[in-house]
C-alpha atoms as a PDB file:
ATOM      1  CA  PRO A   1     -21.406   7.829  17.953  1.00  0.00           C
ATOM      2  CA  LEU A   2     -18.792   8.587  15.309  1.00  0.00           C
ATOM      3  CA  GLU A   3     -15.896   7.226  17.370  1.00  0.00           C
ATOM      4  CA  ASP A   4     -17.717   3.912  17.899  1.00  0.00           C
ATOM      5  CA  SER A   5     -18.175   3.617  14.135  1.00  0.00           C
ATOM      6  CA  TRP A   6     -14.460   4.305  13.561  1.00  0.00           C
ATOM      7  CA  ASN A   7     -13.486   1.706  16.174  1.00  0.00           C
ATOM      8  CA  GLU A   8     -15.816  -0.838  14.588  1.00  0.00           C
ATOM      9  CA  VAL A   9     -14.101  -0.509  11.223  1.00  0.00           C
ATOM     10  CA  PHE A  10     -10.700  -0.392  12.929  1.00  0.00           C
ATOM     11  CA  GLN A  11     -11.507  -3.856  14.309  1.00  0.00           C
ATOM     12  CA  GLN A  12     -12.282  -4.960  10.753  1.00  0.00           C
ATOM     13  CA  ILE A  13      -8.869  -3.768   9.535  1.00  0.00           C
ATOM     14  CA  MET A  14      -7.231  -5.747  12.350  1.00  0.00           C
ATOM     15  CA  ASP A  15      -9.218  -8.824  11.288  1.00  0.00           C
ATOM     16  CA  TYR A  16      -8.164  -8.227   7.679  1.00  0.00           C
ATOM     17  CA  LYS A  17      -4.523  -8.021   8.748  1.00  0.00           C
ATOM     18  CA  ASP A  18      -4.811 -11.263  10.723  1.00  0.00           C
ATOM     19  CA  LYS A  19      -6.194 -12.981   7.631  1.00  0.00           C
ATOM     20  CA  HIS A  20      -4.019 -11.394   4.914  1.00  0.00           C
ATOM     21  CA  GLY A  21      -0.867 -10.325   6.767  1.00  0.00           C
ATOM     22  CA  ASP A  22      -1.075  -6.657   5.765  1.00  0.00           C
ATOM     23  CA  THR A  23      -3.352  -3.621   5.741  1.00  0.00           C
ATOM     24  CA  LEU A  24      -3.378  -3.194   1.962  1.00  0.00           C
ATOM     25  CA  VAL A  25      -7.134  -3.437   1.549  1.00  0.00           C
ATOM     26  CA  PRO A  26      -8.126  -2.666  -2.036  1.00  0.00           C
ATOM     27  CA  HIS A  27     -10.466   0.312  -2.433  1.00  0.00           C
ATOM     28  CA  ASN A  28     -13.015  -1.942  -4.137  1.00  0.00           C
ATOM     29  CA  TYR A  29     -12.554  -4.892  -1.737  1.00  0.00           C
ATOM     30  CA  PHE A  30     -15.334  -7.273  -2.724  1.00  0.00           C
ATOM     31  CA  ASP A  31     -15.697  -8.983   0.661  1.00  0.00           C
ATOM     32  CA  ASN A  32     -16.143  -5.682   2.521  1.00  0.00           C
ATOM     33  CA  SER A  33     -16.534  -2.570   0.387  1.00  0.00           C
ATOM     34  CA  ARG A  34     -16.980  -0.427   3.494  1.00  0.00           C
ATOM     35  CA  LEU A  35     -13.524  -1.441   4.727  1.00  0.00           C
ATOM     36  CA  GLY A  36     -11.870  -0.669   1.380  1.00  0.00           C
ATOM     37  CA  LYS A  37     -13.403   2.787   1.278  1.00  0.00           C
ATOM     38  CA  TRP A  38     -12.538   3.380   4.954  1.00  0.00           C
ATOM     39  CA  VAL A  39      -8.865   2.539   4.367  1.00  0.00           C
ATOM     40  CA  THR A  40      -8.721   4.897   1.390  1.00  0.00           C
ATOM     41  CA  ARG A  41     -10.346   7.626   3.499  1.00  0.00           C
ATOM     42  CA  GLN A  42      -7.871   7.166   6.377  1.00  0.00           C
ATOM     43  CA  ARG A  43      -4.981   7.627   3.950  1.00  0.00           C
ATOM     44  CA  TYR A  44      -6.593  10.747   2.522  1.00  0.00           C
ATOM     45  CA  LEU A  45      -7.293  12.239   5.961  1.00  0.00           C
ATOM     46  CA  TYR A  46      -3.750  11.477   7.095  1.00  0.00           C
ATOM     47  CA  LYS A  47      -2.330  13.244   4.048  1.00  0.00           C
ATOM     48  CA  CYS A  48      -4.534  16.259   4.765  1.00  0.00           C
ATOM     49  CA  LYS A  49      -3.345  16.237   8.377  1.00  0.00           C
ATOM     50  CA  GLN A  50       0.286  16.111   7.205  1.00  0.00           C
ATOM     51  CA  ASN A  51      -0.430  19.160   5.049  1.00  0.00           C
ATOM     52  CA  GLY A  52      -1.702  21.087   8.067  1.00  0.00           C
ATOM     53  CA  GLN A  53      -5.395  20.866   7.231  1.00  0.00           C
ATOM     54  CA  ALA A  54      -8.011  20.257   9.907  1.00  0.00           C
ATOM     55  CA  THR A  55      -9.347  16.693   9.635  1.00  0.00           C
ATOM     56  CA  GLN A  56     -11.057  13.991  11.642  1.00  0.00           C
ATOM     57  CA  MET A  57      -7.697  12.179  11.761  1.00  0.00           C
ATOM     58  CA  THR A  58      -6.589  12.541  15.357  1.00  0.00           C
ATOM     59  CA  ASP A  59      -3.152  11.768  16.754  1.00  0.00           C
ATOM     60  CA  GLU A  60      -4.750   8.907  18.688  1.00  0.00           C
ATOM     61  CA  ARG A  61      -6.080   7.367  15.464  1.00  0.00           C
ATOM     62  CA  VAL A  62      -2.712   7.774  13.767  1.00  0.00           C
ATOM     63  CA  ASP A  63      -1.058   6.006  16.715  1.00  0.00           C
ATOM     64  CA  LYS A  64      -3.589   3.165  16.668  1.00  0.00           C
ATOM     65  CA  LEU A  65      -3.114   2.661  12.935  1.00  0.00           C
ATOM     66  CA  ASN A  66       0.670   2.845  13.237  1.00  0.00           C
ATOM     67  CA  GLU A  67       0.587   0.212  15.984  1.00  0.00           C
ATOM     68  CA  ILE A  68      -0.927  -2.326  13.604  1.00  0.00           C
ATOM     69  CA  GLY A  69       1.479  -1.457  10.770  1.00  0.00           C
ATOM     70  CA  PHE A  70      -1.032   0.492   8.706  1.00  0.00           C
ATOM     71  CA  VAL A  71       0.357   1.391   5.287  1.00  0.00           C
ATOM     72  CA  TRP A  72      -0.171   5.097   4.696  1.00  0.00           C
ATOM     73  CA  ASP A  73       1.093   5.093   1.103  1.00  0.00           C
ATOM     74  CA  ALA A  74       0.015   1.964  -0.754  1.00  0.00           C
ATOM     75  CA  ASN A  75       1.819   3.017  -3.951  1.00  0.00           C
ATOM     76  CA  GLU A  76       5.123   3.422  -2.132  1.00  0.00           C
ATOM     77  CA  GLU A  77       4.624   0.064  -0.416  1.00  0.00           C
ATOM     78  CA  ALA A  78       3.940  -1.653  -3.751  1.00  0.00           C
ATOM     79  CA  TRP A  79       7.005  -0.010  -5.313  1.00  0.00           C
ATOM     80  CA  GLU A  80       9.216  -1.159  -2.437  1.00  0.00           C
ATOM     81  CA  GLU A  81       7.896  -4.719  -2.756  1.00  0.00           C
ATOM     82  CA  MET A  82       8.730  -4.814  -6.459  1.00  0.00           C
ATOM     83  CA  PHE A  83      12.147  -3.291  -5.805  1.00  0.00           C
ATOM     84  CA  GLN A  84      12.868  -6.094  -3.326  1.00  0.00           C
ATOM     85  CA  GLN A  85      11.886  -8.621  -5.991  1.00  0.00           C
ATOM     86  CA  LEU A  86      14.271  -6.901  -8.399  1.00  0.00           C
ATOM     87  CA  MET A  87      17.100  -7.153  -5.840  1.00  0.00           C
ATOM     88  CA  LYS A  88      16.373 -10.868  -5.487  1.00  0.00           C
ATOM     89  CA  TYR A  89      16.506 -11.210  -9.280  1.00  0.00           C
ATOM     90  CA  LYS A  90      19.867  -9.408  -9.289  1.00  0.00           C
ATOM     91  CA  GLU A  91      21.253 -11.787  -6.654  1.00  0.00           C
ATOM     92  CA  GLU A  92      20.237 -14.765  -8.783  1.00  0.00           C
ATOM     93  CA  HIS A  93      21.176 -13.395 -12.232  1.00  0.00           C
ATOM     94  CA  GLY A  94      23.906 -10.823 -11.561  1.00  0.00           C
ATOM     95  CA  ASP A  95      22.052  -8.007 -13.308  1.00  0.00           C
ATOM     96  CA  THR A  96      18.755  -6.155 -13.382  1.00  0.00           C
ATOM     97  CA  LEU A  97      17.989  -6.878 -17.026  1.00  0.00           C
ATOM     98  CA  VAL A  98      14.640  -8.528 -16.362  1.00  0.00           C
ATOM     99  CA  PRO A  99      12.969  -9.402 -19.658  1.00  0.00           C
ATOM    100  CA  GLN A 100       9.566  -7.803 -20.154  1.00  0.00           C
ATOM    101  CA  GLY A 101       8.079 -11.272 -20.721  1.00  0.00           C
ATOM    102  CA  TYR A 102       9.875 -12.895 -17.742  1.00  0.00           C
ATOM    103  CA  LYS A 103       7.917 -16.126 -17.302  1.00  0.00           C
ATOM    104  CA  VAL A 104       9.035 -16.808 -13.717  1.00  0.00           C
ATOM    105  CA  ASN A 105       7.635 -13.464 -12.539  1.00  0.00           C
ATOM    106  CA  PRO A 106       5.685 -11.652 -15.283  1.00  0.00           C
ATOM    107  CA  LYS A 107       4.717  -8.854 -12.898  1.00  0.00           C
ATOM    108  CA  LEU A 108       8.399  -8.084 -12.248  1.00  0.00           C
ATOM    109  CA  GLY A 109       9.184  -7.952 -15.971  1.00  0.00           C
ATOM    110  CA  LYS A 110       6.350  -5.507 -16.582  1.00  0.00           C
ATOM    111  CA  TRP A 111       7.316  -3.423 -13.531  1.00  0.00           C
ATOM    112  CA  VAL A 112      10.947  -3.098 -14.634  1.00  0.00           C
ATOM    113  CA  GLN A 113       9.815  -2.113 -18.116  1.00  0.00           C
ATOM    114  CA  TRP A 114       7.529   0.545 -16.617  1.00  0.00           C
ATOM    115  CA  GLN A 115      10.400   1.907 -14.498  1.00  0.00           C
ATOM    116  CA  ARG A 116      12.464   2.257 -17.679  1.00  0.00           C
ATOM    117  CA  VAL A 117       9.632   4.086 -19.419  1.00  0.00           C
ATOM    118  CA  GLN A 118       9.276   6.441 -16.462  1.00  0.00           C
ATOM    119  CA  TYR A 119      13.024   7.059 -16.375  1.00  0.00           C
ATOM    120  CA  ASN A 120      13.168   7.806 -20.117  1.00  0.00           C
ATOM    121  CA  ARG A 121      10.292  10.272 -19.815  1.00  0.00           C
ATOM    122  CA  ARG A 122      12.332  12.281 -17.338  1.00  0.00           C
ATOM    123  CA  GLN A 123      15.326  12.528 -19.666  1.00  0.00           C
END
């Protein structure tokens, strides 16, 4: 039934975590598109549950996903990862003035620039 199907894909997310070290499966994951869509759906259902809506996301499923370190907010997780990289940069350079074209970590340079853009839009 439905629960067996959920458990089958849950096993796939555990296998993914064993292989990749996290549960950040891209929505369009080439190796297993079903898993990518499933992960996106779990996040959506969890958000609905948090907002008091009736969903298929049970407390038991939430607990199982939490036990494996499931990331409920991939955007927040990505932001935190980049922030940690910025803190490392600050330790090494004494400031957070990462050049936009920072060759050592181009992604960090672009991220810092985007944070500045976002900040300036709020002013």
